[in-house]
Amino acid sequence: MSKIIHLSYISTGHFITDNTLQDIENTSSAFNSKVGVTGFLLFNGANFLQTLQGSEKTLTDLLARIKKDPRHYGVVVVQDHPIEAMTFPNWGMRVKRIARGGVGDATFAELRSMADPELKTMMDNFMAIGG
């Protein structure tokens, strides 16, 4: 069995609409389920924070595709390390547009409750700069 990798990146969106986010969720969820990847994508009105978990080879190939996607630019990997088990094993992909602070947002609260301390801090900081 290949080792499981946890990878997170940030990027800046390019003309992102609610329809764009829905398309990303539909396409990513279907694709990720086929290749054994789980994760989530947050959009704060300007930037993305995405966390992916899967095999090293699959994530390497997927990140190369992600970097070529014209819907965003400036991809910066902020986490890339092995993990014992997937945090979100039943998700192909969850996509969420968030507002500054995210107070009362049930999806964000669910994501945050599953995250390790480092990812929680990253998510909180990402929320604080939301659009």
Protein backbone atom coordinates (compact mmCIF):
# COMPACT_ATOMS: atom_id res chain seq x y z
CA MET A 1 0.00 0.00 0.00
CA SER A 2 1.37 3.41 -0.93
CA LYS A 3 1.71 6.01 1.78
CA ILE A 4 -1.03 8.59 2.23
CA ILE A 5 -0.08 12.22 1.74
CA HIS A 6 -1.79 15.32 3.11
CA LEU A 7 -1.29 18.32 0.81
CA SER A 8 -2.67 21.84 1.23
CA TYR A 9 -2.20 24.84 -1.02
CA ILE A 10 -3.43 28.39 -1.39
CA SER A 11 -4.05 30.23 -4.63
CA THR A 12 -5.87 33.28 -6.00
CA GLY A 13 -9.14 32.85 -7.88
CA HIS A 14 -9.71 34.24 -11.36
CA PHE A 15 -13.32 35.36 -12.06
CA ILE A 16 -14.91 32.85 -9.65
CA THR A 17 -18.70 32.63 -9.48
CA ASP A 18 -21.04 30.36 -7.56
CA ASN A 19 -21.50 28.37 -10.79
CA THR A 20 -17.72 27.99 -11.05
CA LEU A 21 -17.57 26.62 -7.51
CA GLN A 22 -20.42 24.20 -8.20
CA ASP A 23 -18.66 22.98 -11.35
CA ILE A 24 -15.41 22.50 -9.41
CA GLU A 25 -17.22 20.51 -6.73
CA ASN A 26 -19.07 18.28 -9.20
CA THR A 27 -16.05 17.58 -11.37
CA SER A 28 -13.58 17.17 -8.51
CA SER A 29 -15.82 14.98 -6.42
CA ALA A 30 -16.41 12.55 -9.28
CA PHE A 31 -12.73 12.49 -10.32
CA ASN A 32 -11.35 12.26 -6.79
CA SER A 33 -13.66 9.39 -5.91
CA LYS A 34 -12.31 7.44 -8.90
CA VAL A 35 -8.66 7.98 -7.97
CA GLY A 36 -8.92 7.64 -4.18
CA VAL A 37 -8.46 11.31 -3.23
CA THR A 38 -10.40 13.14 -0.52
CA GLY A 39 -10.41 16.74 0.59
CA PHE A 40 -12.02 20.12 0.65
CA LEU A 41 -11.76 23.49 -1.08
CA LEU A 42 -12.52 26.79 0.64
CA PHE A 43 -13.00 30.05 -1.27
CA ASN A 44 -13.05 33.34 0.62
CA GLY A 45 -14.09 35.59 -2.25
CA ALA A 46 -10.55 36.04 -3.53
CA ASN A 47 -8.43 33.06 -2.57
CA PHE A 48 -8.61 29.29 -2.37
CA LEU A 49 -7.40 27.00 0.37
CA GLN A 50 -7.50 23.38 -0.72
CA THR A 51 -6.57 20.28 1.24
CA LEU A 52 -6.16 16.96 -0.55
CA GLN A 53 -5.32 13.52 0.79
CA GLY A 54 -4.33 10.50 -1.26
CA SER A 55 -1.38 8.52 -2.57
CA GLU A 56 1.83 10.41 -3.27
CA LYS A 57 1.80 9.58 -7.00
CA THR A 58 -1.86 10.54 -7.42
CA LEU A 59 -1.42 13.87 -5.60
CA THR A 60 1.74 14.70 -7.56
CA ASP A 61 -0.15 14.17 -10.82
CA LEU A 62 -3.24 16.01 -9.55
CA LEU A 63 -1.23 19.01 -8.34
CA ALA A 64 0.34 19.33 -11.80
CA ARG A 65 -3.20 19.48 -13.28
CA ILE A 66 -4.37 21.93 -10.62
CA LYS A 67 -1.47 24.30 -11.34
CA LYS A 68 -2.57 24.49 -15.00
CA ASP A 69 -6.22 25.30 -14.19
CA PRO A 70 -7.00 28.83 -15.53
CA ARG A 71 -9.57 29.49 -12.79
CA HIS A 72 -6.78 30.39 -10.38
CA TYR A 73 -3.11 31.35 -10.22
CA GLY A 74 -0.25 31.61 -7.76
CA VAL A 75 -0.50 28.10 -6.33
CA VAL A 76 1.65 27.82 -3.19
CA VAL A 77 1.87 24.49 -1.37
CA VAL A 78 1.75 25.14 2.38
CA GLN A 79 1.50 21.55 3.68
CA ASP A 80 2.85 18.34 2.19
CA HIS A 81 3.45 15.45 4.58
CA PRO A 82 2.56 11.79 5.15
CA ILE A 83 -0.40 10.87 7.37
CA GLU A 84 -1.52 7.63 8.98
CA ALA A 85 -5.13 7.75 7.73
CA MET A 86 -7.35 10.03 5.68
CA THR A 87 -9.12 12.70 7.68
CA PHE A 88 -12.08 12.90 5.28
CA PRO A 89 -12.38 9.30 4.03
CA ASN A 90 -15.93 9.55 2.71
CA TRP A 91 -15.56 12.74 0.68
CA GLY A 92 -14.52 13.06 -2.93
CA MET A 93 -14.48 16.83 -2.47
CA ARG A 94 -16.34 19.43 -0.45
CA VAL A 95 -16.36 23.00 -1.75
CA LYS A 96 -17.40 25.95 0.39
CA ARG A 97 -17.56 29.69 -0.21
CA ILE A 98 -16.90 31.31 3.15
CA ALA A 99 -17.38 34.79 4.52
CA ARG A 100 -14.97 36.59 6.81
CA GLY A 101 -15.03 34.91 10.20
CA GLY A 102 -17.34 32.07 9.17
CA VAL A 103 -19.32 32.40 12.40
CA GLY A 104 -22.23 29.99 12.40
CA ASP A 105 -21.20 28.19 9.22
CA ALA A 106 -21.95 24.51 9.85
CA THR A 107 -19.83 23.18 6.96
CA PHE A 108 -16.78 25.16 8.05
CA ALA A 109 -17.30 24.04 11.66
CA GLU A 110 -17.48 20.40 10.51
CA LEU A 111 -14.30 20.72 8.45
CA ARG A 112 -12.48 22.47 11.27
CA SER A 113 -13.52 19.83 13.83
CA MET A 114 -11.81 17.13 11.73
CA ALA A 115 -8.58 19.04 11.09
CA ASP A 116 -5.30 18.64 12.95
CA PRO A 117 -4.05 21.68 14.96
CA GLU A 118 -1.83 23.00 12.15
CA LEU A 119 -4.64 22.84 9.59
CA LYS A 120 -7.09 24.44 12.07
CA THR A 121 -4.73 27.39 12.45
CA MET A 122 -4.36 27.69 8.69
CA MET A 123 -8.15 27.56 8.23
CA ASP A 124 -8.69 30.21 10.93
CA ASN A 125 -6.13 32.51 9.32
CA PHE A 126 -7.71 31.95 5.91
CA MET A 127 -11.12 32.84 7.34
CA ALA A 128 -9.76 36.01 8.92
CA ILE A 129 -8.66 37.39 5.53
CA GLY A 130 -11.91 36.40 3.78
CA GLY A 131 -13.52 38.72 1.27
